[in-house]
Amino acid sequence: MEIRQVIGSLVCTHRITGLGHWDLRLLQDTKGKQYVATDPVDARPGDWVFVVSGSAARYAMGNAAILTDLTIGGIIDHWEAHDVAAARPTAALAAKAA
């Protein structure tokens, strides 16, 4: 699982059958890389969410036949972007500690 922030919705009026009419959200990680995920939890722009990927993403949708490789698994109640940086010491800090 990874943590991402919802930055918008993606509208696709024509889709393959395996995607159905699920909401699609545009997500961004703390480094600015963007992703598209199916959204069964009704996340909104600005929400921090956790996502599941690979075959787990299909099961998270409640139907393994849905063709997705990234699904929002839940909305995080309290999260700030600086929490991510604080949780991971840099290589320089790790070297100093050693």
PDB file of N, CA and C in Angstrom:
ATOM      1  N   MET A   1       0.840  -1.176   0.000  1.00  0.00           N
ATOM      2  CA  MET A   1       0.000   0.000   0.000  1.00  0.00           C
ATOM      3  C   MET A   1       0.887   1.243   0.000  1.00  0.00           C
ATOM      4  N   GLU A   2       0.378   2.257  -0.635  1.00  0.00           N
ATOM      5  CA  GLU A   2       1.088   3.534  -0.736  1.00  0.00           C
ATOM      6  C   GLU A   2       0.125   4.657  -0.376  1.00  0.00           C
ATOM      7  N   ILE A   3       0.663   5.817  -0.024  1.00  0.00           N
ATOM      8  CA  ILE A   3      -0.150   6.985   0.292  1.00  0.00           C
ATOM      9  C   ILE A   3      -0.039   7.982  -0.853  1.00  0.00           C
ATOM     10  N   ARG A   4      -1.190   8.495  -1.280  1.00  0.00           N
ATOM     11  CA  ARG A   4      -1.260   9.468  -2.369  1.00  0.00           C
ATOM     12  C   ARG A   4      -2.277  10.552  -1.994  1.00  0.00           C
ATOM     13  N   GLN A   5      -2.217  11.681  -2.705  1.00  0.00           N
ATOM     14  CA  GLN A   5      -3.209  12.728  -2.512  1.00  0.00           C
ATOM     15  C   GLN A   5      -4.068  12.844  -3.759  1.00  0.00           C
ATOM     16  N   VAL A   6      -5.376  12.970  -3.557  1.00  0.00           N
ATOM     17  CA  VAL A   6      -6.298  13.151  -4.676  1.00  0.00           C
ATOM     18  C   VAL A   6      -6.170  14.584  -5.167  1.00  0.00           C
ATOM     19  N   ILE A   7      -5.919  14.738  -6.485  1.00  0.00           N
ATOM     20  CA  ILE A   7      -5.791  16.091  -7.034  1.00  0.00           C
ATOM     21  C   ILE A   7      -6.873  16.397  -8.062  1.00  0.00           C
ATOM     22  N   GLY A   8      -7.722  15.420  -8.365  1.00  0.00           N
ATOM     23  CA  GLY A   8      -8.812  15.672  -9.298  1.00  0.00           C
ATOM     24  C   GLY A   8      -9.504  14.398  -9.721  1.00  0.00           C
ATOM     25  N   SER A   9     -10.489  14.581 -10.578  1.00  0.00           N
ATOM     26  CA  SER A   9     -11.231  13.457 -11.150  1.00  0.00           C
ATOM     27  C   SER A   9     -10.886  13.336 -12.618  1.00  0.00           C
ATOM     28  N   LEU A  10     -11.047  12.153 -13.136  1.00  0.00           N
ATOM     29  CA  LEU A  10     -10.798  11.903 -14.545  1.00  0.00           C
ATOM     30  C   LEU A  10     -12.111  11.450 -15.164  1.00  0.00           C
ATOM     31  N   VAL A  11     -12.554  12.142 -16.206  1.00  0.00           N
ATOM     32  CA  VAL A  11     -13.817  11.816 -16.849  1.00  0.00           C
ATOM     33  C   VAL A  11     -13.537  11.089 -18.152  1.00  0.00           C
ATOM     34  N   CYS A  12     -14.092   9.892 -18.276  1.00  0.00           N
ATOM     35  CA  CYS A  12     -13.952   9.081 -19.487  1.00  0.00           C
ATOM     36  C   CYS A  12     -15.345   8.585 -19.864  1.00  0.00           C
ATOM     37  N   THR A  13     -15.910   9.139 -20.909  1.00  0.00           N
ATOM     38  CA  THR A  13     -17.264   8.735 -21.280  1.00  0.00           C
ATOM     39  C   THR A  13     -17.298   7.412 -22.032  1.00  0.00           C
ATOM     40  N   HIS A  14     -16.218   7.065 -22.703  1.00  0.00           N
ATOM     41  CA  HIS A  14     -16.142   5.784 -23.422  1.00  0.00           C
ATOM     42  C   HIS A  14     -15.063   4.935 -22.766  1.00  0.00           C
ATOM     43  N   ARG A  15     -15.485   3.782 -22.262  1.00  0.00           N
ATOM     44  CA  ARG A  15     -14.553   2.896 -21.561  1.00  0.00           C
ATOM     45  C   ARG A  15     -14.744   1.465 -22.018  1.00  0.00           C
ATOM     46  N   ILE A  16     -13.722   0.655 -21.748  1.00  0.00           N
ATOM     47  CA  ILE A  16     -13.871  -0.766 -22.014  1.00  0.00           C
ATOM     48  C   ILE A  16     -14.846  -1.342 -20.982  1.00  0.00           C
ATOM     49  N   THR A  17     -15.463  -2.435 -21.327  1.00  0.00           N
ATOM     50  CA  THR A  17     -16.470  -3.045 -20.463  1.00  0.00           C
ATOM     51  C   THR A  17     -15.925  -3.362 -19.077  1.00  0.00           C
ATOM     52  N   GLY A  18     -14.692  -3.810 -18.976  1.00  0.00           N
ATOM     53  CA  GLY A  18     -14.115  -4.215 -17.703  1.00  0.00           C
ATOM     54  C   GLY A  18     -13.910  -3.093 -16.694  1.00  0.00           C
ATOM     55  N   LEU A  19     -14.029  -1.829 -17.119  1.00  0.00           N
ATOM     56  CA  LEU A  19     -13.898  -0.709 -16.178  1.00  0.00           C
ATOM     57  C   LEU A  19     -15.234  -0.218 -15.660  1.00  0.00           C
ATOM     58  N   GLY A  20     -16.311  -0.640 -16.294  1.00  0.00           N
ATOM     59  CA  GLY A  20     -17.621  -0.208 -15.835  1.00  0.00           C
ATOM     60  C   GLY A  20     -17.725   1.307 -15.788  1.00  0.00           C
ATOM     61  N   HIS A  21     -18.474   1.793 -14.808  1.00  0.00           N
ATOM     62  CA  HIS A  21     -18.659   3.240 -14.645  1.00  0.00           C
ATOM     63  C   HIS A  21     -18.135   3.707 -13.300  1.00  0.00           C
ATOM     64  N   TRP A  22     -17.054   3.096 -12.846  1.00  0.00           N
ATOM     65  CA  TRP A  22     -16.458   3.491 -11.580  1.00  0.00           C
ATOM     66  C   TRP A  22     -15.824   4.866 -11.693  1.00  0.00           C
ATOM     67  N   ASP A  23     -15.850   5.617 -10.595  1.00  0.00           N
ATOM     68  CA  ASP A  23     -15.173   6.911 -10.558  1.00  0.00           C
ATOM     69  C   ASP A  23     -13.666   6.697 -10.685  1.00  0.00           C
ATOM     70  N   LEU A  24     -13.037   7.572 -11.432  1.00  0.00           N
ATOM     71  CA  LEU A  24     -11.576   7.555 -11.582  1.00  0.00           C
ATOM     72  C   LEU A  24     -11.026   8.832 -10.963  1.00  0.00           C
ATOM     73  N   ARG A  25      -9.973   8.687 -10.169  1.00  0.00           N
ATOM     74  CA  ARG A  25      -9.356   9.851  -9.519  1.00  0.00           C
ATOM     75  C   ARG A  25      -7.915  10.005  -9.987  1.00  0.00           C
ATOM     76  N   LEU A  26      -7.508  11.241 -10.121  1.00  0.00           N
ATOM     77  CA  LEU A  26      -6.123  11.573 -10.421  1.00  0.00           C
ATOM     78  C   LEU A  26      -5.429  11.785  -9.082  1.00  0.00           C
ATOM     79  N   LEU A  27      -4.338  11.034  -8.867  1.00  0.00           N
ATOM     80  CA  LEU A  27      -3.605  11.075  -7.607  1.00  0.00           C
ATOM     81  C   LEU A  27      -2.185  11.572  -7.841  1.00  0.00           C
ATOM     82  N   GLN A  28      -1.575  12.038  -6.772  1.00  0.00           N
ATOM     83  CA  GLN A  28      -0.185  12.492  -6.854  1.00  0.00           C
ATOM     84  C   GLN A  28       0.549  12.054  -5.592  1.00  0.00           C
ATOM     85  N   ASP A  29       1.788  11.583  -5.771  1.00  0.00           N
ATOM     86  CA  ASP A  29       2.589  11.237  -4.600  1.00  0.00           C
ATOM     87  C   ASP A  29       3.328  12.479  -4.118  1.00  0.00           C
ATOM     88  N   THR A  30       4.092  12.347  -3.049  1.00  0.00           N
ATOM     89  CA  THR A  30       4.768  13.510  -2.460  1.00  0.00           C
ATOM     90  C   THR A  30       5.887  14.049  -3.331  1.00  0.00           C
ATOM     91  N   LYS A  31       6.298  13.286  -4.350  1.00  0.00           N
ATOM     92  CA  LYS A  31       7.339  13.748  -5.272  1.00  0.00           C
ATOM     93  C   LYS A  31       6.758  14.359  -6.542  1.00  0.00           C
ATOM     94  N   GLY A  32       5.420  14.369  -6.667  1.00  0.00           N
ATOM     95  CA  GLY A  32       4.767  14.983  -7.811  1.00  0.00           C
ATOM     96  C   GLY A  32       4.364  14.034  -8.921  1.00  0.00           C
ATOM     97  N   LYS A  33       4.699  12.755  -8.810  1.00  0.00           N
ATOM     98  CA  LYS A  33       4.313  11.788  -9.842  1.00  0.00           C
ATOM     99  C   LYS A  33       2.806  11.549  -9.765  1.00  0.00           C
ATOM    100  N   GLN A  34       2.173  11.491 -10.948  1.00  0.00           N
ATOM    101  CA  GLN A  34       0.722  11.342 -10.996  1.00  0.00           C
ATOM    102  C   GLN A  34       0.304   9.928 -11.379  1.00  0.00           C
ATOM    103  N   TYR A  35      -0.882   9.546 -10.885  1.00  0.00           N
ATOM    104  CA  TYR A  35      -1.446   8.215 -11.096  1.00  0.00           C
ATOM    105  C   TYR A  35      -2.946   8.351 -11.312  1.00  0.00           C
ATOM    106  N   VAL A  36      -3.545   7.312 -11.891  1.00  0.00           N
ATOM    107  CA  VAL A  36      -5.002   7.230 -11.999  1.00  0.00           C
ATOM    108  C   VAL A  36      -5.432   5.973 -11.259  1.00  0.00           C
ATOM    109  N   ALA A  37      -6.470   6.117 -10.432  1.00  0.00           N
ATOM    110  CA  ALA A  37      -6.957   4.982  -9.644  1.00  0.00           C
ATOM    111  C   ALA A  37      -8.473   4.923  -9.684  1.00  0.00           C
ATOM    112  N   THR A  38      -9.011   3.715  -9.593  1.00  0.00           N
ATOM    113  CA  THR A  38     -10.454   3.569  -9.406  1.00  0.00           C
ATOM    114  C   THR A  38     -10.769   3.958  -7.964  1.00  0.00           C
ATOM    115  N   ASP A  39     -11.994   4.477  -7.749  1.00  0.00           N
ATOM    116  CA  ASP A  39     -12.343   5.021  -6.433  1.00  0.00           C
ATOM    117  C   ASP A  39     -13.696   4.505  -5.946  1.00  0.00           C
ATOM    118  N   PRO A  40     -13.693   3.449  -5.144  1.00  0.00           N
ATOM    119  CA  PRO A  40     -14.949   2.961  -4.587  1.00  0.00           C
ATOM    120  C   PRO A  40     -15.345   3.658  -3.274  1.00  0.00           C
ATOM    121  N   VAL A  41     -14.529   4.598  -2.771  1.00  0.00           N
ATOM    122  CA  VAL A  41     -14.789   5.214  -1.466  1.00  0.00           C
ATOM    123  C   VAL A  41     -15.187   6.688  -1.547  1.00  0.00           C
ATOM    124  N   ASP A  42     -15.347   7.223  -2.751  1.00  0.00           N
ATOM    125  CA  ASP A  42     -15.798   8.602  -2.959  1.00  0.00           C
ATOM    126  C   ASP A  42     -14.834   9.645  -2.384  1.00  0.00           C
ATOM    127  N   ALA A  43     -13.548   9.496  -2.685  1.00  0.00           N
ATOM    128  CA  ALA A  43     -12.545  10.466  -2.254  1.00  0.00           C
ATOM    129  C   ALA A  43     -12.709  11.771  -3.030  1.00  0.00           C
ATOM    130  N   ARG A  44     -12.285  12.863  -2.412  1.00  0.00           N
ATOM    131  CA  ARG A  44     -12.407  14.196  -3.003  1.00  0.00           C
ATOM    132  C   ARG A  44     -11.032  14.846  -3.148  1.00  0.00           C
ATOM    133  N   PRO A  45     -10.899  15.828  -4.053  1.00  0.00           N
ATOM    134  CA  PRO A  45      -9.622  16.543  -4.185  1.00  0.00           C
ATOM    135  C   PRO A  45      -9.153  17.082  -2.835  1.00  0.00           C
ATOM    136  N   GLY A  46      -7.868  16.875  -2.568  1.00  0.00           N
ATOM    137  CA  GLY A  46      -7.280  17.299  -1.304  1.00  0.00           C
ATOM    138  C   GLY A  46      -7.181  16.166  -0.290  1.00  0.00           C
ATOM    139  N   ASP A  47      -8.007  15.116  -0.456  1.00  0.00           N
ATOM    140  CA  ASP A  47      -7.950  13.980   0.471  1.00  0.00           C
ATOM    141  C   ASP A  47      -6.643  13.213   0.303  1.00  0.00           C
ATOM    142  N   TRP A  48      -6.100  12.744   1.407  1.00  0.00           N
ATOM    143  CA  TRP A  48      -4.989  11.798   1.387  1.00  0.00           C
ATOM    144  C   TRP A  48      -5.603  10.418   1.476  1.00  0.00           C
ATOM    145  N   VAL A  49      -5.146   9.511   0.628  1.00  0.00           N
ATOM    146  CA  VAL A  49      -5.723   8.175   0.560  1.00  0.00           C
ATOM    147  C   VAL A  49      -4.613   7.133   0.559  1.00  0.00           C
ATOM    148  N   PHE A  50      -4.978   5.890   0.874  1.00  0.00           N
ATOM    149  CA  PHE A  50      -4.031   4.811   0.650  1.00  0.00           C
ATOM    150  C   PHE A  50      -4.548   4.004  -0.525  1.00  0.00           C
ATOM    151  N   VAL A  51      -3.627   3.510  -1.321  1.00  0.00           N
ATOM    152  CA  VAL A  51      -3.988   2.763  -2.520  1.00  0.00           C
ATOM    153  C   VAL A  51      -3.386   1.362  -2.476  1.00  0.00           C
ATOM    154  N   VAL A  52      -4.068   0.460  -3.148  1.00  0.00           N
ATOM    155  CA  VAL A  52      -3.556  -0.895  -3.334  1.00  0.00           C
ATOM    156  C   VAL A  52      -3.352  -1.083  -4.824  1.00  0.00           C
ATOM    157  N   SER A  53      -2.344  -1.885  -5.182  1.00  0.00           N
ATOM    158  CA  SER A  53      -2.013  -2.043  -6.593  1.00  0.00           C
ATOM    159  C   SER A  53      -1.954  -3.505  -6.989  1.00  0.00           C
ATOM    160  N   GLY A  54      -1.782  -3.720  -8.283  1.00  0.00           N
ATOM    161  CA  GLY A  54      -1.696  -5.077  -8.812  1.00  0.00           C
ATOM    162  C   GLY A  54      -3.024  -5.806  -8.703  1.00  0.00           C
ATOM    163  N   SER A  55      -2.963  -7.113  -8.541  1.00  0.00           N
ATOM    164  CA  SER A  55      -4.203  -7.893  -8.475  1.00  0.00           C
ATOM    165  C   SER A  55      -5.017  -7.539  -7.232  1.00  0.00           C
ATOM    166  N   ALA A  56      -4.368  -7.050  -6.170  1.00  0.00           N
ATOM    167  CA  ALA A  56      -5.091  -6.630  -4.966  1.00  0.00           C
ATOM    168  C   ALA A  56      -6.043  -5.476  -5.274  1.00  0.00           C
ATOM    169  N   ALA A  57      -5.711  -4.670  -6.274  1.00  0.00           N
ATOM    170  CA  ALA A  57      -6.569  -3.541  -6.647  1.00  0.00           C
ATOM    171  C   ALA A  57      -7.920  -4.025  -7.167  1.00  0.00           C
ATOM    172  N   ARG A  58      -7.924  -5.118  -7.897  1.00  0.00           N
ATOM    173  CA  ARG A  58      -9.190  -5.666  -8.408  1.00  0.00           C
ATOM    174  C   ARG A  58     -10.040  -6.189  -7.252  1.00  0.00           C
ATOM    175  N   TYR A  59      -9.412  -6.885  -6.331  1.00  0.00           N
ATOM    176  CA  TYR A  59     -10.150  -7.413  -5.178  1.00  0.00           C
ATOM    177  C   TYR A  59     -10.662  -6.291  -4.280  1.00  0.00           C
ATOM    178  N   ALA A  60      -9.917  -5.200  -4.179  1.00  0.00           N
ATOM    179  CA  ALA A  60     -10.351  -4.057  -3.373  1.00  0.00           C
ATOM    180  C   ALA A  60     -11.613  -3.426  -3.950  1.00  0.00           C
ATOM    181  N   MET A  61     -11.846  -3.595  -5.245  1.00  0.00           N
ATOM    182  CA  MET A  61     -13.056  -3.079  -5.875  1.00  0.00           C
ATOM    183  C   MET A  61     -14.267  -3.963  -5.576  1.00  0.00           C
ATOM    184  N   GLY A  62     -14.016  -5.130  -5.000  1.00  0.00           N
ATOM    185  CA  GLY A  62     -15.125  -6.031  -4.696  1.00  0.00           C
ATOM    186  C   GLY A  62     -15.483  -6.958  -5.835  1.00  0.00           C
ATOM    187  N   ASN A  63     -14.709  -6.882  -6.920  1.00  0.00           N
ATOM    188  CA  ASN A  63     -14.985  -7.710  -8.094  1.00  0.00           C
ATOM    189  C   ASN A  63     -13.670  -7.899  -8.840  1.00  0.00           C
ATOM    190  N   ALA A  64     -13.158  -9.103  -8.806  1.00  0.00           N
ATOM    191  CA  ALA A  64     -11.855  -9.373  -9.431  1.00  0.00           C
ATOM    192  C   ALA A  64     -11.890  -9.259 -10.952  1.00  0.00           C
ATOM    193  N   ALA A  65     -13.064  -9.113 -11.539  1.00  0.00           N
ATOM    194  CA  ALA A  65     -13.171  -8.977 -12.994  1.00  0.00           C
ATOM    195  C   ALA A  65     -12.975  -7.533 -13.462  1.00  0.00           C
ATOM    196  N   ILE A  66     -12.973  -6.575 -12.537  1.00  0.00           N
ATOM    197  CA  ILE A  66     -12.774  -5.174 -12.915  1.00  0.00           C
ATOM    198  C   ILE A  66     -11.315  -4.975 -13.308  1.00  0.00           C
ATOM    199  N   LEU A  67     -11.090  -4.345 -14.439  1.00  0.00           N
ATOM    200  CA  LEU A  67      -9.745  -4.179 -14.990  1.00  0.00           C
ATOM    201  C   LEU A  67      -9.089  -2.910 -14.451  1.00  0.00           C
ATOM    202  N   THR A  68      -8.483  -3.049 -13.294  1.00  0.00           N
ATOM    203  CA  THR A  68      -7.759  -1.929 -12.689  1.00  0.00           C
ATOM    204  C   THR A  68      -6.485  -2.467 -12.053  1.00  0.00           C
ATOM    205  N   ASP A  69      -5.474  -1.629 -11.986  1.00  0.00           N
ATOM    206  CA  ASP A  69      -4.260  -2.035 -11.275  1.00  0.00           C
ATOM    207  C   ASP A  69      -3.919  -1.056 -10.147  1.00  0.00           C
ATOM    208  N   LEU A  70      -4.833  -0.103  -9.862  1.00  0.00           N
ATOM    209  CA  LEU A  70      -4.647   0.816  -8.748  1.00  0.00           C
ATOM    210  C   LEU A  70      -6.026   1.227  -8.234  1.00  0.00           C
ATOM    211  N   THR A  71      -6.280   0.973  -6.953  1.00  0.00           N
ATOM    212  CA  THR A  71      -7.573   1.281  -6.341  1.00  0.00           C
ATOM    213  C   THR A  71      -7.361   2.001  -5.019  1.00  0.00           C
ATOM    214  N   ILE A  72      -8.184   3.020  -4.790  1.00  0.00           N
ATOM    215  CA  ILE A  72      -8.162   3.703  -3.497  1.00  0.00           C
ATOM    216  C   ILE A  72      -8.827   2.777  -2.486  1.00  0.00           C
ATOM    217  N   GLY A  73      -8.086   2.468  -1.413  1.00  0.00           N
ATOM    218  CA  GLY A  73      -8.605   1.564  -0.392  1.00  0.00           C
ATOM    219  C   GLY A  73      -9.258   2.286   0.763  1.00  0.00           C
ATOM    220  N   GLY A  74      -8.923   3.549   0.966  1.00  0.00           N
ATOM    221  CA  GLY A  74      -9.523   4.304   2.058  1.00  0.00           C
ATOM    222  C   GLY A  74      -9.024   5.730   2.102  1.00  0.00           C
ATOM    223  N   ILE A  75      -9.789   6.573   2.760  1.00  0.00           N
ATOM    224  CA  ILE A  75      -9.437   7.980   2.951  1.00  0.00           C
ATOM    225  C   ILE A  75      -8.794   8.107   4.328  1.00  0.00           C
ATOM    226  N   ILE A  76      -7.628   8.743   4.382  1.00  0.00           N
ATOM    227  CA  ILE A  76      -6.898   8.909   5.646  1.00  0.00           C
ATOM    228  C   ILE A  76      -7.464  10.127   6.373  1.00  0.00           C
ATOM    229  N   ASP A  77      -7.825   9.941   7.642  1.00  0.00           N
ATOM    230  CA  ASP A  77      -8.461  11.019   8.410  1.00  0.00           C
ATOM    231  C   ASP A  77      -7.532  12.190   8.694  1.00  0.00           C
ATOM    232  N   HIS A  78      -6.309  11.917   9.131  1.00  0.00           N
ATOM    233  CA  HIS A  78      -5.372  12.986   9.483  1.00  0.00           C
ATOM    234  C   HIS A  78      -4.013  12.671   8.889  1.00  0.00           C
ATOM    235  N   TRP A  79      -3.587  13.490   7.940  1.00  0.00           N
ATOM    236  CA  TRP A  79      -2.300  13.259   7.285  1.00  0.00           C
ATOM    237  C   TRP A  79      -1.817  14.559   6.686  1.00  0.00           C
ATOM    238  N   GLU A  80      -0.567  14.842   6.865  1.00  0.00           N
ATOM    239  CA  GLU A  80       0.070  16.001   6.255  1.00  0.00           C
ATOM    240  C   GLU A  80       1.246  15.503   5.436  1.00  0.00           C
ATOM    241  N   ALA A  81       1.565  16.176   4.350  1.00  0.00           N
ATOM    242  CA  ALA A  81       2.658  15.751   3.475  1.00  0.00           C
ATOM    243  C   ALA A  81       3.974  15.669   4.238  1.00  0.00           C
ATOM    244  N   HIS A  82       4.196  16.549   5.212  1.00  0.00           N
ATOM    245  CA  HIS A  82       5.453  16.524   5.959  1.00  0.00           C
ATOM    246  C   HIS A  82       5.568  15.254   6.801  1.00  0.00           C
ATOM    247  N   ASP A  83       4.437  14.570   7.097  1.00  0.00           N
ATOM    248  CA  ASP A  83       4.491  13.313   7.839  1.00  0.00           C
ATOM    249  C   ASP A  83       5.280  12.262   7.065  1.00  0.00           C
ATOM    250  N   VAL A  84       5.196  12.298   5.735  1.00  0.00           N
ATOM    251  CA  VAL A  84       5.909  11.329   4.902  1.00  0.00           C
ATOM    252  C   VAL A  84       7.405  11.545   5.022  1.00  0.00           C
ATOM    253  N   ALA A  85       7.842  12.792   4.895  1.00  0.00           N
ATOM    254  CA  ALA A  85       9.267  13.099   4.959  1.00  0.00           C
ATOM    255  C   ALA A  85       9.828  12.801   6.347  1.00  0.00           C
ATOM    256  N   ALA A  86       9.064  13.099   7.378  1.00  0.00           N
ATOM    257  CA  ALA A  86       9.540  12.882   8.741  1.00  0.00           C
ATOM    258  C   ALA A  86       9.682  11.400   9.061  1.00  0.00           C
ATOM    259  N   ALA A  87       8.894  10.578   8.414  1.00  0.00           N
ATOM    260  CA  ALA A  87       8.912   9.150   8.715  1.00  0.00           C
ATOM    261  C   ALA A  87      10.095   8.436   8.080  1.00  0.00           C
ATOM    262  N   ARG A  88      10.756   9.055   7.103  1.00  0.00           N
ATOM    263  CA  ARG A  88      11.859   8.421   6.389  1.00  0.00           C
ATOM    264  C   ARG A  88      13.145   9.206   6.577  1.00  0.00           C
ATOM    265  N   PRO A  89      14.051   8.721   7.411  1.00  0.00           N
ATOM    266  CA  PRO A  89      15.320   9.444   7.554  1.00  0.00           C
ATOM    267  C   PRO A  89      16.114   9.391   6.254  1.00  0.00           C
ATOM    268  N   THR A  90      16.792  10.463   5.953  1.00  0.00           N
ATOM    269  CA  THR A  90      17.595  10.503   4.730  1.00  0.00           C
ATOM    270  C   THR A  90      18.848   9.663   4.893  1.00  0.00           C
ATOM    271  N   ALA A  91      19.474   9.344   3.807  1.00  0.00           N
ATOM    272  CA  ALA A  91      20.715   8.561   3.838  1.00  0.00           C
ATOM    273  C   ALA A  91      21.800   9.303   4.622  1.00  0.00           C
ATOM    274  N   ALA A  92      21.835  10.640   4.502  1.00  0.00           N
ATOM    275  CA  ALA A  92      22.837  11.425   5.214  1.00  0.00           C
ATOM    276  C   ALA A  92      22.642  11.313   6.727  1.00  0.00           C
ATOM    277  N   LEU A  93      21.384  11.364   7.172  1.00  0.00           N
ATOM    278  CA  LEU A  93      21.123  11.234   8.605  1.00  0.00           C
ATOM    279  C   LEU A  93      21.449   9.835   9.096  1.00  0.00           C
ATOM    280  N   ALA A  94      21.150   8.840   8.289  1.00  0.00           N
ATOM    281  CA  ALA A  94      21.457   7.458   8.665  1.00  0.00           C
ATOM    282  C   ALA A  94      22.967   7.265   8.785  1.00  0.00           C
ATOM    283  N   ALA A  95      23.733   7.897   7.887  1.00  0.00           N
ATOM    284  CA  ALA A  95      25.195   7.788   7.922  1.00  0.00           C
ATOM    285  C   ALA A  95      25.758   8.473   9.171  1.00  0.00           C
ATOM    286  N   LYS A  96      25.173   9.616   9.558  1.00  0.00           N
ATOM    287  CA  LYS A  96      25.619  10.320  10.756  1.00  0.00           C
ATOM    288  C   LYS A  96      25.381   9.476  12.000  1.00  0.00           C
ATOM    289  N   ALA A  97      24.248   8.796  12.024  1.00  0.00           N
ATOM    290  CA  ALA A  97      23.890   7.988  13.195  1.00  0.00           C
ATOM    291  C   ALA A  97      24.812   6.784  13.340  1.00  0.00           C
ATOM    292  N   ALA A  98      25.372   6.316  12.235  1.00  0.00           N
ATOM    293  CA  ALA A  98      26.228   5.121  12.260  1.00  0.00           C
ATOM    294  C   ALA A  98      27.597   5.416  12.707  1.00  0.00           C
TER     295      ALA A  98
END
